[in-house]
Amino acid sequence: MGPTLARMAKRALPLGQRVIGVARFSERGLRETLSHHGVESIEADLLDPNALDRLPKAPNVIFMAGRKFGATGDVPLTWAMNVGVPAMVAEAFKGSRIVAFSTGCVYPFVPVDSGGATEDVAPVPPPGDYATSCAGRER
């Protein structure tokens, strides 16, 4: 999802505006593809506070990093990525405007014909490690 949205953001911005993608870039060829579309890339491990300190202080940040797939297999890493890293990024970019992607998994399951979860729906613990860690991110 991140690479697609980065390309869309670049197309939507006026010429000269920068879009910078930060990731581990484990997918072969992704950095080259992004560069071809005008998206700058920086390879960094967001779990490393020193790596965060080296990133350019952008005025606007769209935070999409997280761990979903394999969350149950490594619960500590899931919590580090979904709770710890967002807190570290918020601190490192406290002078920036930050938009954080979320998930519908933090809301309770409701019947399809109910219209969805609202403030009137009693909160329940999110289902599973991924959803619980995402609720932690939002607190």
N, C-alpha and C. Protein backbone atom coordinates (compact mmCIF):
# COMPACT_ATOMS: atom_id res chain seq x y z
N MET A 1 0.82 -1.19 0.00
CA MET A 1 0.00 0.00 0.00
C MET A 1 0.87 1.26 0.00
N GLY A 2 1.95 1.25 0.76
CA GLY A 2 2.79 2.43 0.87
C GLY A 2 3.36 2.92 -0.45
N PRO A 3 3.98 2.02 -1.25
CA PRO A 3 4.52 2.48 -2.53
C PRO A 3 3.46 3.07 -3.46
N THR A 4 2.29 2.46 -3.49
CA THR A 4 1.21 2.97 -4.34
C THR A 4 0.79 4.36 -3.89
N LEU A 5 0.60 4.55 -2.60
CA LEU A 5 0.19 5.87 -2.10
C LEU A 5 1.29 6.90 -2.27
N ALA A 6 2.55 6.49 -2.17
CA ALA A 6 3.65 7.43 -2.40
C ALA A 6 3.64 7.93 -3.84
N ARG A 7 3.42 7.03 -4.78
CA ARG A 7 3.35 7.44 -6.19
C ARG A 7 2.15 8.35 -6.43
N MET A 8 1.02 8.03 -5.82
CA MET A 8 -0.17 8.87 -5.98
C MET A 8 0.06 10.26 -5.38
N ALA A 9 0.71 10.31 -4.22
CA ALA A 9 1.00 11.60 -3.59
C ALA A 9 1.91 12.43 -4.48
N LYS A 10 2.91 11.81 -5.05
CA LYS A 10 3.84 12.53 -5.92
C LYS A 10 3.11 13.10 -7.13
N ARG A 11 2.21 12.33 -7.73
CA ARG A 11 1.45 12.82 -8.88
C ARG A 11 0.52 13.96 -8.49
N ALA A 12 0.02 13.95 -7.27
CA ALA A 12 -0.94 14.96 -6.84
C ALA A 12 -0.29 16.29 -6.46
N LEU A 13 0.99 16.27 -6.13
CA LEU A 13 1.67 17.47 -5.66
C LEU A 13 2.17 18.32 -6.82
N PRO A 14 2.30 19.63 -6.57
CA PRO A 14 2.91 20.50 -7.59
C PRO A 14 4.37 20.10 -7.83
N LEU A 15 4.87 20.42 -9.02
CA LEU A 15 6.27 20.13 -9.33
C LEU A 15 7.18 20.73 -8.26
N GLY A 16 8.20 20.00 -7.92
CA GLY A 16 9.16 20.49 -6.94
C GLY A 16 8.87 20.05 -5.52
N GLN A 17 7.66 19.60 -5.25
CA GLN A 17 7.34 19.11 -3.90
C GLN A 17 7.90 17.70 -3.74
N ARG A 18 8.47 17.43 -2.59
CA ARG A 18 9.13 16.15 -2.36
C ARG A 18 8.20 15.14 -1.69
N VAL A 19 8.34 13.90 -2.09
CA VAL A 19 7.75 12.76 -1.40
C VAL A 19 8.91 11.83 -1.09
N ILE A 20 9.06 11.51 0.20
CA ILE A 20 10.18 10.68 0.65
C ILE A 20 9.60 9.44 1.31
N GLY A 21 9.97 8.28 0.81
CA GLY A 21 9.56 7.02 1.42
C GLY A 21 10.69 6.49 2.28
N VAL A 22 10.36 6.11 3.50
CA VAL A 22 11.36 5.56 4.42
C VAL A 22 10.93 4.14 4.77
N ALA A 23 11.84 3.20 4.57
CA ALA A 23 11.52 1.80 4.86
C ALA A 23 12.82 1.00 4.91
N ARG A 24 12.67 -0.28 5.24
CA ARG A 24 13.83 -1.18 5.17
C ARG A 24 14.11 -1.57 3.71
N PHE A 25 13.11 -1.47 2.86
CA PHE A 25 13.21 -1.79 1.44
C PHE A 25 13.75 -3.21 1.21
N SER A 26 13.07 -4.17 1.80
CA SER A 26 13.45 -5.57 1.62
C SER A 26 12.98 -6.12 0.28
N GLU A 27 12.03 -5.45 -0.36
CA GLU A 27 11.53 -5.89 -1.67
C GLU A 27 12.48 -5.42 -2.76
N ARG A 28 13.03 -6.35 -3.48
CA ARG A 28 14.01 -6.05 -4.52
C ARG A 28 13.40 -5.17 -5.62
N GLY A 29 14.10 -4.10 -5.98
CA GLY A 29 13.67 -3.24 -7.07
C GLY A 29 12.71 -2.13 -6.69
N LEU A 30 12.24 -2.14 -5.45
CA LEU A 30 11.24 -1.14 -5.05
C LEU A 30 11.81 0.27 -5.06
N ARG A 31 13.00 0.44 -4.55
CA ARG A 31 13.59 1.79 -4.52
C ARG A 31 13.74 2.35 -5.94
N GLU A 32 14.14 1.52 -6.87
CA GLU A 32 14.30 1.96 -8.25
C GLU A 32 12.95 2.35 -8.85
N THR A 33 11.92 1.56 -8.56
CA THR A 33 10.58 1.87 -9.06
C THR A 33 10.10 3.20 -8.51
N LEU A 34 10.28 3.41 -7.21
CA LEU A 34 9.86 4.68 -6.61
C LEU A 34 10.62 5.85 -7.22
N SER A 35 11.92 5.68 -7.40
CA SER A 35 12.74 6.74 -7.99
C SER A 35 12.26 7.07 -9.40
N HIS A 36 11.90 6.07 -10.15
CA HIS A 36 11.38 6.27 -11.51
C HIS A 36 10.13 7.15 -11.50
N HIS A 37 9.36 7.08 -10.42
CA HIS A 37 8.14 7.88 -10.29
C HIS A 37 8.37 9.19 -9.52
N GLY A 38 9.63 9.51 -9.24
CA GLY A 38 9.94 10.78 -8.59
C GLY A 38 9.86 10.75 -7.08
N VAL A 39 9.72 9.56 -6.50
CA VAL A 39 9.66 9.43 -5.04
C VAL A 39 11.07 9.15 -4.53
N GLU A 40 11.53 9.98 -3.62
CA GLU A 40 12.83 9.75 -3.00
C GLU A 40 12.68 8.62 -1.98
N SER A 41 13.76 7.90 -1.74
CA SER A 41 13.69 6.82 -0.75
C SER A 41 14.90 6.87 0.17
N ILE A 42 14.65 6.54 1.41
CA ILE A 42 15.70 6.45 2.41
C ILE A 42 15.54 5.10 3.10
N GLU A 43 16.60 4.31 3.07
CA GLU A 43 16.58 3.02 3.75
C GLU A 43 16.90 3.25 5.22
N ALA A 44 16.00 2.83 6.09
CA ALA A 44 16.20 3.01 7.53
C ALA A 44 15.36 2.01 8.30
N ASP A 45 15.87 1.61 9.44
CA ASP A 45 15.12 0.77 10.37
C ASP A 45 14.53 1.69 11.43
N LEU A 46 13.22 1.85 11.41
CA LEU A 46 12.57 2.79 12.32
C LEU A 46 12.65 2.35 13.78
N LEU A 47 13.07 1.12 14.03
CA LEU A 47 13.29 0.69 15.41
C LEU A 47 14.59 1.27 15.98
N ASP A 48 15.41 1.85 15.13
CA ASP A 48 16.70 2.41 15.53
C ASP A 48 16.56 3.92 15.75
N PRO A 49 16.62 4.38 17.02
CA PRO A 49 16.47 5.82 17.28
C PRO A 49 17.49 6.67 16.53
N ASN A 50 18.70 6.16 16.33
CA ASN A 50 19.71 6.92 15.58
C ASN A 50 19.30 7.10 14.13
N ALA A 51 18.66 6.09 13.56
CA ALA A 51 18.17 6.20 12.18
C ALA A 51 17.09 7.27 12.09
N LEU A 52 16.22 7.33 13.08
CA LEU A 52 15.18 8.36 13.10
C LEU A 52 15.80 9.75 13.16
N ASP A 53 16.84 9.91 13.95
CA ASP A 53 17.49 11.21 14.09
C ASP A 53 18.12 11.68 12.78
N ARG A 54 18.50 10.74 11.92
CA ARG A 54 19.15 11.11 10.66
C ARG A 54 18.16 11.45 9.55
N LEU A 55 16.88 11.20 9.76
CA LEU A 55 15.89 11.48 8.71
C LEU A 55 15.66 12.98 8.57
N PRO A 56 15.36 13.45 7.35
CA PRO A 56 15.05 14.87 7.18
C PRO A 56 13.76 15.22 7.92
N LYS A 57 13.74 16.38 8.53
CA LYS A 57 12.58 16.81 9.32
C LYS A 57 11.53 17.41 8.38
N ALA A 58 10.71 16.55 7.84
CA ALA A 58 9.67 16.97 6.90
C ALA A 58 8.54 17.67 7.64
N PRO A 59 7.94 18.68 7.03
CA PRO A 59 6.83 19.37 7.70
C PRO A 59 5.57 18.52 7.78
N ASN A 60 5.44 17.55 6.88
CA ASN A 60 4.26 16.67 6.84
C ASN A 60 4.72 15.22 6.79
N VAL A 61 4.14 14.40 7.64
CA VAL A 61 4.50 12.98 7.71
C VAL A 61 3.23 12.15 7.60
N ILE A 62 3.24 11.19 6.70
CA ILE A 62 2.17 10.19 6.64
C ILE A 62 2.79 8.91 7.17
N PHE A 63 2.35 8.50 8.34
CA PHE A 63 2.95 7.35 9.02
C PHE A 63 2.15 6.09 8.67
N MET A 64 2.81 5.16 7.98
CA MET A 64 2.15 3.93 7.56
C MET A 64 2.89 2.69 8.02
N ALA A 65 3.97 2.85 8.76
CA ALA A 65 4.76 1.68 9.18
C ALA A 65 3.99 0.87 10.21
N GLY A 66 4.16 -0.42 10.16
CA GLY A 66 3.52 -1.28 11.13
C GLY A 66 3.74 -2.73 10.78
N ARG A 67 3.26 -3.58 11.64
CA ARG A 67 3.40 -5.02 11.44
C ARG A 67 2.04 -5.66 11.60
N LYS A 68 1.58 -6.30 10.54
CA LYS A 68 0.30 -6.99 10.58
C LYS A 68 0.49 -8.47 10.33
N PHE A 69 1.06 -8.80 9.20
CA PHE A 69 1.20 -10.20 8.83
C PHE A 69 2.30 -10.84 9.67
N GLY A 70 2.00 -11.96 10.28
CA GLY A 70 2.95 -12.62 11.16
C GLY A 70 2.92 -12.08 12.57
N ALA A 71 1.92 -11.25 12.89
CA ALA A 71 1.85 -10.60 14.20
C ALA A 71 1.80 -11.61 15.33
N THR A 72 1.07 -12.69 15.16
CA THR A 72 0.93 -13.67 16.23
C THR A 72 2.23 -14.43 16.45
N GLY A 73 3.03 -14.61 15.40
CA GLY A 73 4.26 -15.37 15.52
C GLY A 73 5.36 -14.67 16.27
N ASP A 74 5.33 -13.36 16.37
CA ASP A 74 6.36 -12.59 17.07
C ASP A 74 5.69 -11.39 17.73
N VAL A 75 5.04 -11.66 18.85
CA VAL A 75 4.27 -10.62 19.54
C VAL A 75 5.14 -9.44 19.98
N PRO A 76 6.34 -9.65 20.53
CA PRO A 76 7.15 -8.48 20.92
C PRO A 76 7.48 -7.56 19.75
N LEU A 77 7.80 -8.12 18.59
CA LEU A 77 8.10 -7.28 17.43
C LEU A 77 6.84 -6.55 16.96
N THR A 78 5.70 -7.22 17.03
CA THR A 78 4.44 -6.58 16.66
C THR A 78 4.19 -5.36 17.54
N TRP A 79 4.36 -5.50 18.85
CA TRP A 79 4.15 -4.37 19.76
C TRP A 79 5.20 -3.28 19.54
N ALA A 80 6.43 -3.67 19.28
CA ALA A 80 7.47 -2.67 19.03
C ALA A 80 7.14 -1.85 17.79
N MET A 81 6.71 -2.52 16.72
CA MET A 81 6.42 -1.82 15.47
C MET A 81 5.12 -1.01 15.53
N ASN A 82 4.12 -1.51 16.23
CA ASN A 82 2.80 -0.87 16.21
C ASN A 82 2.56 0.09 17.36
N VAL A 83 3.38 0.04 18.39
CA VAL A 83 3.24 0.97 19.52
C VAL A 83 4.52 1.77 19.73
N GLY A 84 5.65 1.07 19.82
CA GLY A 84 6.91 1.75 20.10
C GLY A 84 7.36 2.68 18.98
N VAL A 85 7.38 2.18 17.75
CA VAL A 85 7.84 2.99 16.62
C VAL A 85 6.97 4.23 16.42
N PRO A 86 5.64 4.12 16.45
CA PRO A 86 4.85 5.35 16.31
C PRO A 86 5.17 6.39 17.38
N ALA A 87 5.41 5.95 18.61
CA ALA A 87 5.77 6.89 19.67
C ALA A 87 7.11 7.54 19.38
N MET A 88 8.07 6.75 18.91
CA MET A 88 9.39 7.29 18.58
C MET A 88 9.32 8.27 17.42
N VAL A 89 8.51 7.95 16.41
CA VAL A 89 8.36 8.85 15.26
C VAL A 89 7.67 10.14 15.69
N ALA A 90 6.65 10.03 16.54
CA ALA A 90 5.96 11.23 17.02
C ALA A 90 6.93 12.14 17.77
N GLU A 91 7.81 11.56 18.55
CA GLU A 91 8.80 12.36 19.28
C GLU A 91 9.81 12.97 18.32
N ALA A 92 10.31 12.19 17.38
CA ALA A 92 11.32 12.68 16.44
C ALA A 92 10.77 13.76 15.51
N PHE A 93 9.46 13.70 15.24
CA PHE A 93 8.84 14.65 14.31
C PHE A 93 7.78 15.50 15.02
N LYS A 94 8.07 15.87 16.26
CA LYS A 94 7.07 16.63 17.04
C LYS A 94 6.77 17.99 16.43
N GLY A 95 7.61 18.51 15.57
CA GLY A 95 7.35 19.77 14.90
C GLY A 95 6.62 19.61 13.58
N SER A 96 6.28 18.39 13.22
CA SER A 96 5.62 18.10 11.94
C SER A 96 4.14 17.81 12.14
N ARG A 97 3.39 17.95 11.05
CA ARG A 97 2.00 17.48 11.05
C ARG A 97 2.06 16.00 10.67
N ILE A 98 1.44 15.16 11.49
CA ILE A 98 1.51 13.72 11.27
C ILE A 98 0.11 13.15 11.06
N VAL A 99 -0.03 12.37 10.01
CA VAL A 99 -1.24 11.58 9.77
C VAL A 99 -0.82 10.13 9.97
N ALA A 100 -1.52 9.41 10.82
CA ALA A 100 -1.19 8.00 11.08
C ALA A 100 -2.29 7.11 10.53
N PHE A 101 -1.90 6.14 9.72
CA PHE A 101 -2.86 5.16 9.22
C PHE A 101 -3.32 4.29 10.38
N SER A 102 -4.55 3.90 10.34
CA SER A 102 -5.10 3.05 11.38
C SER A 102 -5.65 1.77 10.76
N THR A 103 -6.55 1.15 11.46
CA THR A 103 -7.18 -0.08 11.00
C THR A 103 -8.57 -0.18 11.59
N GLY A 104 -9.46 -0.81 10.88
CA GLY A 104 -10.79 -1.06 11.42
C GLY A 104 -10.77 -2.14 12.49
N CYS A 105 -9.65 -2.83 12.62
CA CYS A 105 -9.56 -3.94 13.59
C CYS A 105 -9.63 -3.48 15.05
N VAL A 106 -9.50 -2.20 15.31
CA VAL A 106 -9.57 -1.74 16.71
C VAL A 106 -11.01 -1.62 17.19
N TYR A 107 -11.97 -1.74 16.29
CA TYR A 107 -13.38 -1.63 16.66
C TYR A 107 -13.99 -3.02 16.83
N PRO A 108 -15.02 -3.13 17.66
CA PRO A 108 -15.64 -4.44 17.86
C PRO A 108 -16.40 -4.87 16.61
N PHE A 109 -16.56 -6.17 16.49
CA PHE A 109 -17.37 -6.70 15.39
C PHE A 109 -18.83 -6.39 15.67
N VAL A 110 -19.54 -5.96 14.65
CA VAL A 110 -20.97 -5.66 14.76
C VAL A 110 -21.67 -6.31 13.58
N PRO A 111 -22.98 -6.53 13.69
CA PRO A 111 -23.70 -7.11 12.56
C PRO A 111 -23.58 -6.23 11.31
N VAL A 112 -23.50 -6.86 10.16
CA VAL A 112 -23.33 -6.16 8.90
C VAL A 112 -24.42 -5.12 8.68
N ASP A 113 -25.64 -5.44 9.06
CA ASP A 113 -26.76 -4.53 8.82
C ASP A 113 -26.92 -3.46 9.90
N SER A 114 -25.93 -3.33 10.81
CA SER A 114 -26.05 -2.37 11.91
C SER A 114 -25.62 -0.96 11.53
N GLY A 115 -24.91 -0.81 10.42
CA GLY A 115 -24.40 0.51 10.05
C GLY A 115 -22.99 0.76 10.55
N GLY A 116 -22.42 -0.17 11.28
CA GLY A 116 -21.05 -0.03 11.75
C GLY A 116 -20.95 0.34 13.21
N ALA A 117 -19.74 0.29 13.72
CA ALA A 117 -19.49 0.63 15.12
C ALA A 117 -19.55 2.15 15.30
N THR A 118 -20.19 2.59 16.35
CA THR A 118 -20.27 4.01 16.70
C THR A 118 -19.86 4.16 18.16
N GLU A 119 -19.88 5.38 18.64
CA GLU A 119 -19.56 5.63 20.05
C GLU A 119 -20.55 4.95 20.99
N ASP A 120 -21.72 4.58 20.48
CA ASP A 120 -22.72 3.91 21.30
C ASP A 120 -22.46 2.42 21.47
N VAL A 121 -21.57 1.86 20.66
CA VAL A 121 -21.25 0.43 20.76
C VAL A 121 -20.25 0.25 21.90
N ALA A 122 -20.59 -0.65 22.81
CA ALA A 122 -19.71 -0.87 23.97
C ALA A 122 -18.33 -1.35 23.50
N PRO A 123 -17.26 -0.74 24.02
CA PRO A 123 -15.92 -1.19 23.62
C PRO A 123 -15.63 -2.58 24.18
N VAL A 124 -14.93 -3.34 23.41
CA VAL A 124 -14.49 -4.66 23.85
C VAL A 124 -13.00 -4.75 23.53
N PRO A 125 -12.30 -5.65 24.16
CA PRO A 125 -10.89 -5.79 23.78
C PRO A 125 -10.78 -6.15 22.30
N PRO A 126 -9.87 -5.51 21.58
CA PRO A 126 -9.69 -5.84 20.16
C PRO A 126 -9.32 -7.32 20.00
N PRO A 127 -9.73 -7.93 18.90
CA PRO A 127 -9.48 -9.36 18.70
C PRO A 127 -8.06 -9.65 18.20
N GLY A 128 -7.20 -10.15 19.04
CA GLY A 128 -5.88 -10.59 18.61
C GLY A 128 -4.76 -9.61 18.87
N ASP A 129 -3.54 -10.11 18.69
CA ASP A 129 -2.34 -9.32 18.97
C ASP A 129 -2.22 -8.09 18.08
N TYR A 130 -2.48 -8.26 16.79
CA TYR A 130 -2.37 -7.13 15.88
C TYR A 130 -3.32 -6.02 16.28
N ALA A 131 -4.58 -6.34 16.45
CA ALA A 131 -5.59 -5.31 16.77
C ALA A 131 -5.31 -4.67 18.12
N THR A 132 -4.89 -5.45 19.09
CA THR A 132 -4.59 -4.90 20.42
C THR A 132 -3.41 -3.95 20.34
N SER A 133 -2.38 -4.31 19.57
CA SER A 133 -1.23 -3.42 19.44
C SER A 133 -1.60 -2.14 18.70
N CYS A 134 -2.53 -2.23 17.76
CA CYS A 134 -2.98 -1.03 17.04
C CYS A 134 -3.77 -0.11 17.97
N ALA A 135 -4.56 -0.69 18.86
CA ALA A 135 -5.25 0.13 19.86
C ALA A 135 -4.22 0.82 20.75
N GLY A 136 -3.13 0.14 21.06
CA GLY A 136 -2.05 0.75 21.83
C GLY A 136 -1.43 1.92 21.10
N ARG A 137 -1.27 1.82 19.80
CA ARG A 137 -0.72 2.93 19.00
C ARG A 137 -1.61 4.16 19.12
N GLU A 138 -2.90 3.95 19.15
CA GLU A 138 -3.83 5.07 19.12
C GLU A 138 -4.05 5.70 20.49
N ARG A 139 -3.50 5.12 21.50
CA ARG A 139 -3.62 5.71 22.83
C ARG A 139 -2.46 6.63 23.06
